[in-house]
Amino acid sequence: MPKKNFEPKKSLLEEKVISIGRVTKVTKGGRHFRFSATVVVGNRKGLVGIGNGKANEVPEAIKKALQAANKNVTKVSLINNRTIPHEAISKVGRSVVMIKPAKEGTGVIAGGADSR
């Protein structure tokens, strides 16, 4: 039976690299540098996923983060296919994220870190 070459399914999700950082591990032999990447995927219609990846090179870290984000896709309920239905606040460790519904045409308004 001949082997068929299947192409991977083309993803309909947009990809956005949020951050790339250099991570250092200090050992007896010296410093060991690696790269960390955070990626978000989504279709702007209610599906969103976020993932982190770490590797020796930046493209490998982005690739790993993208795989993690695609595994972590979740459905977010939307009103009129544009905004969330209510305000939500979430805390993980020291990080606090607050999202609010917005009027049409507002776009994304994001603030920096708040030192508490």
PDB file of N, CA and C in Angstrom:
ATOM      1  N   MET A   1       0.842  -1.173   0.000  1.00  0.00           N
ATOM      2  CA  MET A   1       0.000   0.000   0.000  1.00  0.00           C
ATOM      3  C   MET A   1       0.896   1.248   0.000  1.00  0.00           C
ATOM      4  N   PRO A   2       0.740   2.147  -0.965  1.00  0.00           N
ATOM      5  CA  PRO A   2       1.603   3.332  -1.030  1.00  0.00           C
ATOM      6  C   PRO A   2       1.298   4.304   0.102  1.00  0.00           C
ATOM      7  N   LYS A   3       2.342   4.976   0.545  1.00  0.00           N
ATOM      8  CA  LYS A   3       2.214   5.950   1.626  1.00  0.00           C
ATOM      9  C   LYS A   3       1.759   7.285   1.052  1.00  0.00           C
ATOM     10  N   LYS A   4       0.725   7.858   1.640  1.00  0.00           N
ATOM     11  CA  LYS A   4       0.223   9.143   1.162  1.00  0.00           C
ATOM     12  C   LYS A   4       0.826  10.263   1.993  1.00  0.00           C
ATOM     13  N   ASN A   5       1.208  11.339   1.329  1.00  0.00           N
ATOM     14  CA  ASN A   5       1.734  12.502   2.030  1.00  0.00           C
ATOM     15  C   ASN A   5       0.580  13.448   2.336  1.00  0.00           C
ATOM     16  N   PHE A   6       0.281  13.571   3.621  1.00  0.00           N
ATOM     17  CA  PHE A   6      -0.775  14.465   4.043  1.00  0.00           C
ATOM     18  C   PHE A   6      -0.163  15.798   4.438  1.00  0.00           C
ATOM     19  N   GLU A   7      -0.756  16.886   3.926  1.00  0.00           N
ATOM     20  CA  GLU A   7      -0.309  18.213   4.336  1.00  0.00           C
ATOM     21  C   GLU A   7      -1.022  18.570   5.633  1.00  0.00           C
ATOM     22  N   PRO A   8      -0.323  19.248   6.548  1.00  0.00           N
ATOM     23  CA  PRO A   8      -1.010  19.635   7.777  1.00  0.00           C
ATOM     24  C   PRO A   8      -2.159  20.589   7.478  1.00  0.00           C
ATOM     25  N   LYS A   9      -3.206  20.499   8.288  1.00  0.00           N
ATOM     26  CA  LYS A   9      -4.388  21.343   8.105  1.00  0.00           C
ATOM     27  C   LYS A   9      -3.990  22.810   8.286  1.00  0.00           C
ATOM     28  N   LYS A  10      -4.381  23.633   7.327  1.00  0.00           N
ATOM     29  CA  LYS A  10      -4.046  25.059   7.370  1.00  0.00           C
ATOM     30  C   LYS A  10      -4.843  25.717   8.494  1.00  0.00           C
ATOM     31  N   SER A  11      -4.156  26.379   9.395  1.00  0.00           N
ATOM     32  CA  SER A  11      -4.800  27.005  10.540  1.00  0.00           C
ATOM     33  C   SER A  11      -5.475  28.311  10.118  1.00  0.00           C
ATOM     34  N   LEU A  12      -6.679  28.532  10.622  1.00  0.00           N
ATOM     35  CA  LEU A  12      -7.400  29.765  10.347  1.00  0.00           C
ATOM     36  C   LEU A  12      -7.182  30.785  11.463  1.00  0.00           C
ATOM     37  N   LEU A  13      -6.266  30.477  12.382  1.00  0.00           N
ATOM     38  CA  LEU A  13      -6.010  31.348  13.511  1.00  0.00           C
ATOM     39  C   LEU A  13      -4.852  32.300  13.211  1.00  0.00           C
ATOM     40  N   GLU A  14      -5.010  33.548  13.613  1.00  0.00           N
ATOM     41  CA  GLU A  14      -3.928  34.527  13.488  1.00  0.00           C
ATOM     42  C   GLU A  14      -2.939  34.296  14.620  1.00  0.00           C
ATOM     43  N   GLU A  15      -1.661  34.587  14.355  1.00  0.00           N
ATOM     44  CA  GLU A  15      -0.616  34.399  15.352  1.00  0.00           C
ATOM     45  C   GLU A  15       0.008  35.749  15.682  1.00  0.00           C
ATOM     46  N   LYS A  16       0.271  35.976  16.959  1.00  0.00           N
ATOM     47  CA  LYS A  16       0.899  37.219  17.392  1.00  0.00           C
ATOM     48  C   LYS A  16       1.916  36.887  18.483  1.00  0.00           C
ATOM     49  N   VAL A  17       3.179  37.268  18.250  1.00  0.00           N
ATOM     50  CA  VAL A  17       4.226  37.067  19.248  1.00  0.00           C
ATOM     51  C   VAL A  17       4.137  38.216  20.243  1.00  0.00           C
ATOM     52  N   ILE A  18       3.914  37.905  21.510  1.00  0.00           N
ATOM     53  CA  ILE A  18       3.772  38.931  22.541  1.00  0.00           C
ATOM     54  C   ILE A  18       5.132  39.344  23.078  1.00  0.00           C
ATOM     55  N   SER A  19       5.963  38.367  23.431  1.00  0.00           N
ATOM     56  CA  SER A  19       7.269  38.718  23.981  1.00  0.00           C
ATOM     57  C   SER A  19       8.293  37.637  23.681  1.00  0.00           C
ATOM     58  N   ILE A  20       9.535  38.085  23.584  1.00  0.00           N
ATOM     59  CA  ILE A  20      10.677  37.182  23.453  1.00  0.00           C
ATOM     60  C   ILE A  20      11.694  37.642  24.483  1.00  0.00           C
ATOM     61  N   GLY A  21      12.121  36.721  25.325  1.00  0.00           N
ATOM     62  CA  GLY A  21      13.069  37.077  26.375  1.00  0.00           C
ATOM     63  C   GLY A  21      14.254  36.139  26.393  1.00  0.00           C
ATOM     64  N   ARG A  22      15.362  36.644  26.892  1.00  0.00           N
ATOM     65  CA  ARG A  22      16.558  35.813  27.034  1.00  0.00           C
ATOM     66  C   ARG A  22      16.628  35.325  28.469  1.00  0.00           C
ATOM     67  N   VAL A  23      16.720  34.015  28.636  1.00  0.00           N
ATOM     68  CA  VAL A  23      16.749  33.390  29.949  1.00  0.00           C
ATOM     69  C   VAL A  23      18.155  32.847  30.173  1.00  0.00           C
ATOM     70  N   THR A  24      18.703  33.097  31.356  1.00  0.00           N
ATOM     71  CA  THR A  24      20.064  32.668  31.663  1.00  0.00           C
ATOM     72  C   THR A  24      20.050  31.674  32.814  1.00  0.00           C
ATOM     73  N   LYS A  25      20.772  30.579  32.639  1.00  0.00           N
ATOM     74  CA  LYS A  25      20.973  29.617  33.711  1.00  0.00           C
ATOM     75  C   LYS A  25      22.460  29.637  34.033  1.00  0.00           C
ATOM     76  N   VAL A  26      22.807  29.976  35.267  1.00  0.00           N
ATOM     77  CA  VAL A  26      24.207  30.045  35.669  1.00  0.00           C
ATOM     78  C   VAL A  26      24.604  28.706  36.278  1.00  0.00           C
ATOM     79  N   THR A  27      25.614  28.088  35.685  1.00  0.00           N
ATOM     80  CA  THR A  27      26.120  26.811  36.173  1.00  0.00           C
ATOM     81  C   THR A  27      27.596  26.959  36.545  1.00  0.00           C
ATOM     82  N   LYS A  28      28.161  25.894  37.057  1.00  0.00           N
ATOM     83  CA  LYS A  28      29.574  25.910  37.424  1.00  0.00           C
ATOM     84  C   LYS A  28      30.449  26.179  36.202  1.00  0.00           C
ATOM     85  N   GLY A  29      30.023  25.721  35.048  1.00  0.00           N
ATOM     86  CA  GLY A  29      30.787  25.903  33.815  1.00  0.00           C
ATOM     87  C   GLY A  29      30.583  27.258  33.150  1.00  0.00           C
ATOM     88  N   GLY A  30      29.653  28.070  33.634  1.00  0.00           N
ATOM     89  CA  GLY A  30      29.399  29.381  33.042  1.00  0.00           C
ATOM     90  C   GLY A  30      27.913  29.627  32.850  1.00  0.00           C
ATOM     91  N   ARG A  31      27.606  30.603  32.017  1.00  0.00           N
ATOM     92  CA  ARG A  31      26.202  30.957  31.770  1.00  0.00           C
ATOM     93  C   ARG A  31      25.676  30.186  30.561  1.00  0.00           C
ATOM     94  N   HIS A  32      24.427  29.732  30.682  1.00  0.00           N
ATOM     95  CA  HIS A  32      23.767  29.009  29.593  1.00  0.00           C
ATOM     96  C   HIS A  32      22.553  29.833  29.174  1.00  0.00           C
ATOM     97  N   PHE A  33      22.572  30.377  27.936  1.00  0.00           N
ATOM     98  CA  PHE A  33      21.499  31.240  27.456  1.00  0.00           C
ATOM     99  C   PHE A  33      20.473  30.443  26.664  1.00  0.00           C
ATOM    100  N   ARG A  34      19.200  30.737  26.913  1.00  0.00           N
ATOM    101  CA  ARG A  34      18.092  30.183  26.147  1.00  0.00           C
ATOM    102  C   ARG A  34      17.121  31.314  25.885  1.00  0.00           C
ATOM    103  N   PHE A  35      16.120  31.050  25.057  1.00  0.00           N
ATOM    104  CA  PHE A  35      15.140  32.075  24.725  1.00  0.00           C
ATOM    105  C   PHE A  35      13.750  31.596  25.077  1.00  0.00           C
ATOM    106  N   SER A  36      12.948  32.512  25.609  1.00  0.00           N
ATOM    107  CA  SER A  36      11.568  32.243  25.975  1.00  0.00           C
ATOM    108  C   SER A  36      10.656  33.087  25.093  1.00  0.00           C
ATOM    109  N   ALA A  37       9.565  32.506  24.632  1.00  0.00           N
ATOM    110  CA  ALA A  37       8.624  33.238  23.770  1.00  0.00           C
ATOM    111  C   ALA A  37       7.194  33.009  24.262  1.00  0.00           C
ATOM    112  N   THR A  38       6.370  34.050  24.142  1.00  0.00           N
ATOM    113  CA  THR A  38       4.947  33.974  24.450  1.00  0.00           C
ATOM    114  C   THR A  38       4.170  34.349  23.197  1.00  0.00           C
ATOM    115  N   VAL A  39       3.236  33.486  22.796  1.00  0.00           N
ATOM    116  CA  VAL A  39       2.481  33.668  21.549  1.00  0.00           C
ATOM    117  C   VAL A  39       0.990  33.545  21.837  1.00  0.00           C
ATOM    118  N   VAL A  40       0.193  34.383  21.156  1.00  0.00           N
ATOM    119  CA  VAL A  40      -1.273  34.305  21.236  1.00  0.00           C
ATOM    120  C   VAL A  40      -1.805  33.973  19.846  1.00  0.00           C
ATOM    121  N   VAL A  41      -2.793  33.084  19.780  1.00  0.00           N
ATOM    122  CA  VAL A  41      -3.472  32.768  18.518  1.00  0.00           C
ATOM    123  C   VAL A  41      -4.959  33.037  18.697  1.00  0.00           C
ATOM    124  N   GLY A  42      -5.620  33.404  17.607  1.00  0.00           N
ATOM    125  CA  GLY A  42      -7.053  33.652  17.669  1.00  0.00           C
ATOM    126  C   GLY A  42      -7.623  33.898  16.294  1.00  0.00           C
ATOM    127  N   ASN A  43      -8.963  33.865  16.192  1.00  0.00           N
ATOM    128  CA  ASN A  43      -9.607  34.089  14.902  1.00  0.00           C
ATOM    129  C   ASN A  43     -10.454  35.358  14.892  1.00  0.00           C
ATOM    130  N   ARG A  44     -10.391  36.164  15.960  1.00  0.00           N
ATOM    131  CA  ARG A  44     -11.152  37.416  16.103  1.00  0.00           C
ATOM    132  C   ARG A  44     -12.666  37.181  16.087  1.00  0.00           C
ATOM    133  N   LYS A  45     -13.085  35.942  16.324  1.00  0.00           N
ATOM    134  CA  LYS A  45     -14.509  35.613  16.371  1.00  0.00           C
ATOM    135  C   LYS A  45     -14.850  34.797  17.617  1.00  0.00           C
ATOM    136  N   GLY A  46     -13.981  34.853  18.630  1.00  0.00           N
ATOM    137  CA  GLY A  46     -14.292  34.158  19.874  1.00  0.00           C
ATOM    138  C   GLY A  46     -13.346  33.042  20.247  1.00  0.00           C
ATOM    139  N   LEU A  47     -12.430  32.643  19.376  1.00  0.00           N
ATOM    140  CA  LEU A  47     -11.457  31.618  19.717  1.00  0.00           C
ATOM    141  C   LEU A  47     -10.120  32.281  20.043  1.00  0.00           C
ATOM    142  N   VAL A  48      -9.521  31.898  21.177  1.00  0.00           N
ATOM    143  CA  VAL A  48      -8.246  32.484  21.578  1.00  0.00           C
ATOM    144  C   VAL A  48      -7.442  31.446  22.363  1.00  0.00           C
ATOM    145  N   GLY A  49      -6.116  31.491  22.190  1.00  0.00           N
ATOM    146  CA  GLY A  49      -5.221  30.606  22.928  1.00  0.00           C
ATOM    147  C   GLY A  49      -3.889  31.284  23.163  1.00  0.00           C
ATOM    148  N   ILE A  50      -3.238  30.955  24.269  1.00  0.00           N
ATOM    149  CA  ILE A  50      -1.939  31.540  24.603  1.00  0.00           C
ATOM    150  C   ILE A  50      -0.985  30.410  24.971  1.00  0.00           C
ATOM    151  N   GLY A  51       0.296  30.576  24.599  1.00  0.00           N
ATOM    152  CA  GLY A  51       1.278  29.543  24.886  1.00  0.00           C
ATOM    153  C   GLY A  51       2.664  30.109  25.102  1.00  0.00           C
ATOM    154  N   ASN A  52       3.469  29.393  25.881  1.00  0.00           N
ATOM    155  CA  ASN A  52       4.863  29.751  26.137  1.00  0.00           C
ATOM    156  C   ASN A  52       5.765  28.651  25.614  1.00  0.00           C
ATOM    157  N   GLY A  53       6.949  29.036  25.133  1.00  0.00           N
ATOM    158  CA  GLY A  53       7.929  28.065  24.666  1.00  0.00           C
ATOM    159  C   GLY A  53       9.330  28.528  25.010  1.00  0.00           C
ATOM    160  N   LYS A  54      10.230  27.572  25.240  1.00  0.00           N
ATOM    161  CA  LYS A  54      11.605  27.909  25.566  1.00  0.00           C
ATOM    162  C   LYS A  54      12.522  26.982  24.787  1.00  0.00           C
ATOM    163  N   ALA A  55      13.579  27.560  24.175  1.00  0.00           N
ATOM    164  CA  ALA A  55      14.515  26.773  23.381  1.00  0.00           C
ATOM    165  C   ALA A  55      15.839  27.521  23.267  1.00  0.00           C
ATOM    166  N   ASN A  56      16.829  26.875  22.645  1.00  0.00           N
ATOM    167  CA  ASN A  56      18.154  27.467  22.476  1.00  0.00           C
ATOM    168  C   ASN A  56      18.174  28.575  21.440  1.00  0.00           C
ATOM    169  N   GLU A  57      17.251  28.554  20.484  1.00  0.00           N
ATOM    170  CA  GLU A  57      17.176  29.571  19.433  1.00  0.00           C
ATOM    171  C   GLU A  57      15.777  30.190  19.428  1.00  0.00           C
ATOM    172  N   VAL A  58      15.681  31.448  18.960  1.00  0.00           N
ATOM    173  CA  VAL A  58      14.408  32.181  18.965  1.00  0.00           C
ATOM    174  C   VAL A  58      13.340  31.507  18.095  1.00  0.00           C
ATOM    175  N   PRO A  59      13.653  31.109  16.840  1.00  0.00           N
ATOM    176  CA  PRO A  59      12.599  30.483  16.021  1.00  0.00           C
ATOM    177  C   PRO A  59      12.045  29.196  16.636  1.00  0.00           C
ATOM    178  N   GLU A  60      12.909  28.420  17.274  1.00  0.00           N
ATOM    179  CA  GLU A  60      12.451  27.190  17.926  1.00  0.00           C
ATOM    180  C   GLU A  60      11.529  27.513  19.094  1.00  0.00           C
ATOM    181  N   ALA A  61      11.872  28.553  19.868  1.00  0.00           N
ATOM    182  CA  ALA A  61      11.037  28.958  21.009  1.00  0.00           C
ATOM    183  C   ALA A  61       9.662  29.424  20.533  1.00  0.00           C
ATOM    184  N   ILE A  62       9.632  30.192  19.429  1.00  0.00           N
ATOM    185  CA  ILE A  62       8.355  30.662  18.878  1.00  0.00           C
ATOM    186  C   ILE A  62       7.530  29.475  18.387  1.00  0.00           C
ATOM    187  N   LYS A  63       8.181  28.521  17.746  1.00  0.00           N
ATOM    188  CA  LYS A  63       7.486  27.336  17.232  1.00  0.00           C
ATOM    189  C   LYS A  63       6.859  26.535  18.381  1.00  0.00           C
ATOM    190  N   LYS A  64       7.615  26.359  19.482  1.00  0.00           N
ATOM    191  CA  LYS A  64       7.091  25.632  20.641  1.00  0.00           C
ATOM    192  C   LYS A  64       5.929  26.393  21.284  1.00  0.00           C
ATOM    193  N   ALA A  65       6.057  27.720  21.378  1.00  0.00           N
ATOM    194  CA  ALA A  65       4.990  28.529  21.966  1.00  0.00           C
ATOM    195  C   ALA A  65       3.731  28.467  21.105  1.00  0.00           C
ATOM    196  N   LEU A  66       3.905  28.452  19.791  1.00  0.00           N
ATOM    197  CA  LEU A  66       2.780  28.360  18.870  1.00  0.00           C
ATOM    198  C   LEU A  66       2.051  27.023  19.027  1.00  0.00           C
ATOM    199  N   GLN A  67       2.808  25.941  19.176  1.00  0.00           N
ATOM    200  CA  GLN A  67       2.194  24.632  19.396  1.00  0.00           C
ATOM    201  C   GLN A  67       1.408  24.615  20.703  1.00  0.00           C
ATOM    202  N   ALA A  68       1.989  25.202  21.757  1.00  0.00           N
ATOM    203  CA  ALA A  68       1.305  25.254  23.053  1.00  0.00           C
ATOM    204  C   ALA A  68       0.040  26.103  22.967  1.00  0.00           C
ATOM    205  N   ALA A  69       0.095  27.214  22.226  1.00  0.00           N
ATOM    206  CA  ALA A  69      -1.076  28.086  22.081  1.00  0.00           C
ATOM    207  C   ALA A  69      -2.191  27.381  21.321  1.00  0.00           C
ATOM    208  N   ASN A  70      -1.846  26.632  20.284  1.00  0.00           N
ATOM    209  CA  ASN A  70      -2.858  25.913  19.504  1.00  0.00           C
ATOM    210  C   ASN A  70      -3.514  24.806  20.321  1.00  0.00           C
ATOM    211  N   LYS A  71      -2.789  24.216  21.275  1.00  0.00           N
ATOM    212  CA  LYS A  71      -3.372  23.203  22.149  1.00  0.00           C
ATOM    213  C   LYS A  71      -4.288  23.826  23.195  1.00  0.00           C
ATOM    214  N   ASN A  72      -4.086  25.117  23.468  1.00  0.00           N
ATOM    215  CA  ASN A  72      -4.760  25.803  24.557  1.00  0.00           C
ATOM    216  C   ASN A  72      -5.890  26.717  24.077  1.00  0.00           C
ATOM    217  N   VAL A  73      -6.428  26.486  22.891  1.00  0.00           N
ATOM    218  CA  VAL A  73      -7.469  27.359  22.333  1.00  0.00           C
ATOM    219  C   VAL A  73      -8.775  27.149  23.096  1.00  0.00           C
ATOM    220  N   THR A  74      -9.403  28.270  23.445  1.00  0.00           N
ATOM    221  CA  THR A  74     -10.674  28.218  24.160  1.00  0.00           C
ATOM    222  C   THR A  74     -11.670  29.184  23.511  1.00  0.00           C
ATOM    223  N   LYS A  75     -12.945  28.962  23.754  1.00  0.00           N
ATOM    224  CA  LYS A  75     -14.011  29.785  23.176  1.00  0.00           C
ATOM    225  C   LYS A  75     -14.388  30.869  24.169  1.00  0.00           C
ATOM    226  N   VAL A  76     -14.452  32.115  23.694  1.00  0.00           N
ATOM    227  CA  VAL A  76     -14.861  33.250  24.505  1.00  0.00           C
ATOM    228  C   VAL A  76     -16.193  33.745  23.955  1.00  0.00           C
ATOM    229  N   SER A  77     -17.189  33.896  24.837  1.00  0.00           N
ATOM    230  CA  SER A  77     -18.497  34.365  24.367  1.00  0.00           C
ATOM    231  C   SER A  77     -18.419  35.844  24.019  1.00  0.00           C
ATOM    232  N   LEU A  78     -19.028  36.206  22.895  1.00  0.00           N
ATOM    233  CA  LEU A  78     -19.000  37.576  22.398  1.00  0.00           C
ATOM    234  C   LEU A  78     -20.418  38.098  22.202  1.00  0.00           C
ATOM    235  N   ILE A  79     -20.581  39.419  22.285  1.00  0.00           N
ATOM    236  CA  ILE A  79     -21.841  40.079  21.973  1.00  0.00           C
ATOM    237  C   ILE A  79     -21.657  40.779  20.632  1.00  0.00           C
ATOM    238  N   ASN A  80     -22.546  40.540  19.689  1.00  0.00           N
ATOM    239  CA  ASN A  80     -22.487  41.122  18.344  1.00  0.00           C
ATOM    240  C   ASN A  80     -21.148  40.846  17.650  1.00  0.00           C
ATOM    241  N   ASN A  81     -20.500  39.733  17.977  1.00  0.00           N
ATOM    242  CA  ASN A  81     -19.209  39.333  17.396  1.00  0.00           C
ATOM    243  C   ASN A  81     -18.131  40.398  17.546  1.00  0.00           C
ATOM    244  N   ARG A  82     -18.160  41.173  18.653  1.00  0.00           N
ATOM    245  CA  ARG A  82     -17.134  42.204  18.792  1.00  0.00           C
ATOM    246  C   ARG A  82     -16.637  42.436  20.202  1.00  0.00           C
ATOM    247  N   THR A  83     -17.425  42.209  21.251  1.00  0.00           N
ATOM    248  CA  THR A  83     -16.977  42.496  22.609  1.00  0.00           C
ATOM    249  C   THR A  83     -17.477  41.425  23.578  1.00  0.00           C
ATOM    250  N   ILE A  84     -16.934  41.441  24.784  1.00  0.00           N
ATOM    251  CA  ILE A  84     -17.334  40.464  25.795  1.00  0.00           C
ATOM    252  C   ILE A  84     -18.604  40.927  26.497  1.00  0.00           C
ATOM    253  N   PRO A  85     -19.367  40.017  27.115  1.00  0.00           N
ATOM    254  CA  PRO A  85     -20.641  40.406  27.720  1.00  0.00           C
ATOM    255  C   PRO A  85     -20.522  41.151  29.056  1.00  0.00           C
ATOM    256  N   HIS A  86     -19.442  40.942  29.816  1.00  0.00           N
ATOM    257  CA  HIS A  86     -19.331  41.585  31.126  1.00  0.00           C
ATOM    258  C   HIS A  86     -17.862  41.746  31.513  1.00  0.00           C
ATOM    259  N   GLU A  87     -17.625  42.561  32.540  1.00  0.00           N
ATOM    260  CA  GLU A  87     -16.275  42.801  33.043  1.00  0.00           C
ATOM    261  C   GLU A  87     -15.745  41.541  33.726  1.00  0.00           C
ATOM    262  N   ALA A  88     -14.435  41.291  33.593  1.00  0.00           N
ATOM    263  CA  ALA A  88     -13.815  40.135  34.244  1.00  0.00           C
ATOM    264  C   ALA A  88     -12.436  40.524  34.761  1.00  0.00           C
ATOM    265  N   ILE A  89     -12.108  40.066  35.962  1.00  0.00           N
ATOM    266  CA  ILE A  89     -10.799  40.296  36.567  1.00  0.00           C
ATOM    267  C   ILE A  89     -10.236  38.934  36.959  1.00  0.00           C
ATOM    268  N   SER A  90      -8.961  38.707  36.617  1.00  0.00           N
ATOM    269  CA  SER A  90      -8.322  37.437  36.926  1.00  0.00           C
ATOM    270  C   SER A  90      -6.945  37.699  37.517  1.00  0.00           C
ATOM    271  N   LYS A  91      -6.573  36.897  38.514  1.00  0.00           N
ATOM    272  CA  LYS A  91      -5.266  37.017  39.150  1.00  0.00           C
ATOM    273  C   LYS A  91      -4.544  35.683  39.060  1.00  0.00           C
ATOM    274  N   VAL A  92      -3.271  35.729  38.639  1.00  0.00           N
ATOM    275  CA  VAL A  92      -2.414  34.564  38.646  1.00  0.00           C
ATOM    276  C   VAL A  92      -1.077  35.023  39.202  1.00  0.00           C
ATOM    277  N   GLY A  93      -0.712  34.548  40.380  1.00  0.00           N
ATOM    278  CA  GLY A  93       0.505  35.023  41.025  1.00  0.00           C
ATOM    279  C   GLY A  93       0.363  36.506  41.325  1.00  0.00           C
ATOM    280  N   ARG A  94       1.338  37.314  40.865  1.00  0.00           N
ATOM    281  CA  ARG A  94       1.292  38.760  41.059  1.00  0.00           C
ATOM    282  C   ARG A  94       0.616  39.475  39.895  1.00  0.00           C
ATOM    283  N   SER A  95       0.261  38.764  38.849  1.00  0.00           N
ATOM    284  CA  SER A  95      -0.343  39.389  37.668  1.00  0.00           C
ATOM    285  C   SER A  95      -1.852  39.522  37.846  1.00  0.00           C
ATOM    286  N   VAL A  96      -2.376  40.663  37.435  1.00  0.00           N
ATOM    287  CA  VAL A  96      -3.814  40.912  37.463  1.00  0.00           C
ATOM    288  C   VAL A  96      -4.217  41.412  36.080  1.00  0.00           C
ATOM    289  N   VAL A  97      -5.223  40.762  35.480  1.00  0.00           N
ATOM    290  CA  VAL A  97      -5.716  41.164  34.168  1.00  0.00           C
ATOM    291  C   VAL A  97      -7.190  41.532  34.316  1.00  0.00           C
ATOM    292  N   MET A  98      -7.549  42.710  33.786  1.00  0.00           N
ATOM    293  CA  MET A  98      -8.934  43.160  33.831  1.00  0.00           C
ATOM    294  C   MET A  98      -9.381  43.438  32.399  1.00  0.00           C
ATOM    295  N   ILE A  99     -10.511  42.872  32.007  1.00  0.00           N
ATOM    296  CA  ILE A  99     -11.080  43.165  30.690  1.00  0.00           C
ATOM    297  C   ILE A  99     -12.504  43.677  30.880  1.00  0.00           C
ATOM    298  N   LYS A 100     -12.880  44.645  30.033  1.00  0.00           N
ATOM    299  CA  LYS A 100     -14.200  45.268  30.121  1.00  0.00           C
ATOM    300  C   LYS A 100     -14.848  45.313  28.744  1.00  0.00           C
ATOM    301  N   PRO A 101     -16.165  45.285  28.691  1.00  0.00           N
ATOM    302  CA  PRO A 101     -16.846  45.498  27.412  1.00  0.00           C
ATOM    303  C   PRO A 101     -16.592  46.927  26.924  1.00  0.00           C
ATOM    304  N   ALA A 102     -16.565  47.118  25.605  1.00  0.00           N
ATOM    305  CA  ALA A 102     -16.299  48.444  25.049  1.00  0.00           C
ATOM    306  C   ALA A 102     -17.314  48.769  23.971  1.00  0.00           C
ATOM    307  N   LYS A 103     -17.470  50.065  23.714  1.00  0.00           N
ATOM    308  CA  LYS A 103     -18.355  50.518  22.648  1.00  0.00           C
ATOM    309  C   LYS A 103     -17.730  50.206  21.297  1.00  0.00           C
ATOM    310  N   GLU A 104     -18.567  50.160  20.275  1.00  0.00           N
ATOM    311  CA  GLU A 104     -18.090  49.855  18.933  1.00  0.00           C
ATOM    312  C   GLU A 104     -17.093  50.904  18.460  1.00  0.00           C
ATOM    313  N   GLY A 105     -15.984  50.463  17.868  1.00  0.00           N
ATOM    314  CA  GLY A 105     -14.961  51.355  17.346  1.00  0.00           C
ATOM    315  C   GLY A 105     -13.890  51.726  18.352  1.00  0.00           C
ATOM    316  N   THR A 106     -13.977  51.208  19.567  1.00  0.00           N
ATOM    317  CA  THR A 106     -13.004  51.562  20.598  1.00  0.00           C
ATOM    318  C   THR A 106     -11.640  50.934  20.337  1.00  0.00           C
ATOM    319  N   GLY A 107     -11.604  49.687  19.911  1.00  0.00           N
ATOM    320  CA  GLY A 107     -10.332  48.999  19.722  1.00  0.00           C
ATOM    321  C   GLY A 107      -9.795  48.492  21.056  1.00  0.00           C
ATOM    322  N   VAL A 108      -8.545  48.057  21.055  1.00  0.00           N
ATOM    323  CA  VAL A 108      -7.935  47.537  22.260  1.00  0.00           C
ATOM    324  C   VAL A 108      -7.189  48.652  22.965  1.00  0.00           C
ATOM    325  N   ILE A 109      -7.469  48.831  24.240  1.00  0.00           N
ATOM    326  CA  ILE A 109      -6.763  49.800  25.067  1.00  0.00           C
ATOM    327  C   ILE A 109      -6.053  49.004  26.142  1.00  0.00           C
ATOM    328  N   ALA A 110      -4.737  49.024  26.141  1.00  0.00           N
ATOM    329  CA  ALA A 110      -3.971  48.222  27.098  1.00  0.00           C
ATOM    330  C   ALA A 110      -3.029  49.124  27.880  1.00  0.00           C
ATOM    331  N   GLY A 111      -2.947  48.881  29.169  1.00  0.00           N
ATOM    332  CA  GLY A 111      -2.048  49.636  30.027  1.00  0.00           C
ATOM    333  C   GLY A 111      -0.827  48.816  30.366  1.00  0.00           C
ATOM    334  N   GLY A 112       0.159  49.465  30.922  1.00  0.00           N
ATOM    335  CA  GLY A 112       1.387  48.792  31.326  1.00  0.00           C
ATOM    336  C   GLY A 112       1.242  48.138  32.678  1.00  0.00           C
ATOM    337  N   ALA A 113       2.370  47.783  33.248  1.00  0.00           N
ATOM    338  CA  ALA A 113       2.381  47.133  34.561  1.00  0.00           C
ATOM    339  C   ALA A 113       2.044  48.156  35.628  1.00  0.00           C
ATOM    340  N   ASP A 114       1.247  47.732  36.585  1.00  0.00           N
ATOM    341  CA  ASP A 114       0.876  48.573  37.709  1.00  0.00           C
ATOM    342  C   ASP A 114       1.646  48.075  38.922  1.00  0.00           C
ATOM    343  N   SER A 115       2.536  48.898  39.456  1.00  0.00           N
ATOM    344  CA  SER A 115       3.331  48.460  40.609  1.00  0.00           C
ATOM    345  C   SER A 115       2.529  48.672  41.881  1.00  0.00           C
ATOM    346  N   ARG A 116       2.345  47.593  42.611  1.00  0.00           N
ATOM    347  CA  ARG A 116       1.556  47.647  43.851  1.00  0.00           C
ATOM    348  C   ARG A 116       2.432  47.325  45.012  1.00  0.00           C
TER     349      ARG A 116
END
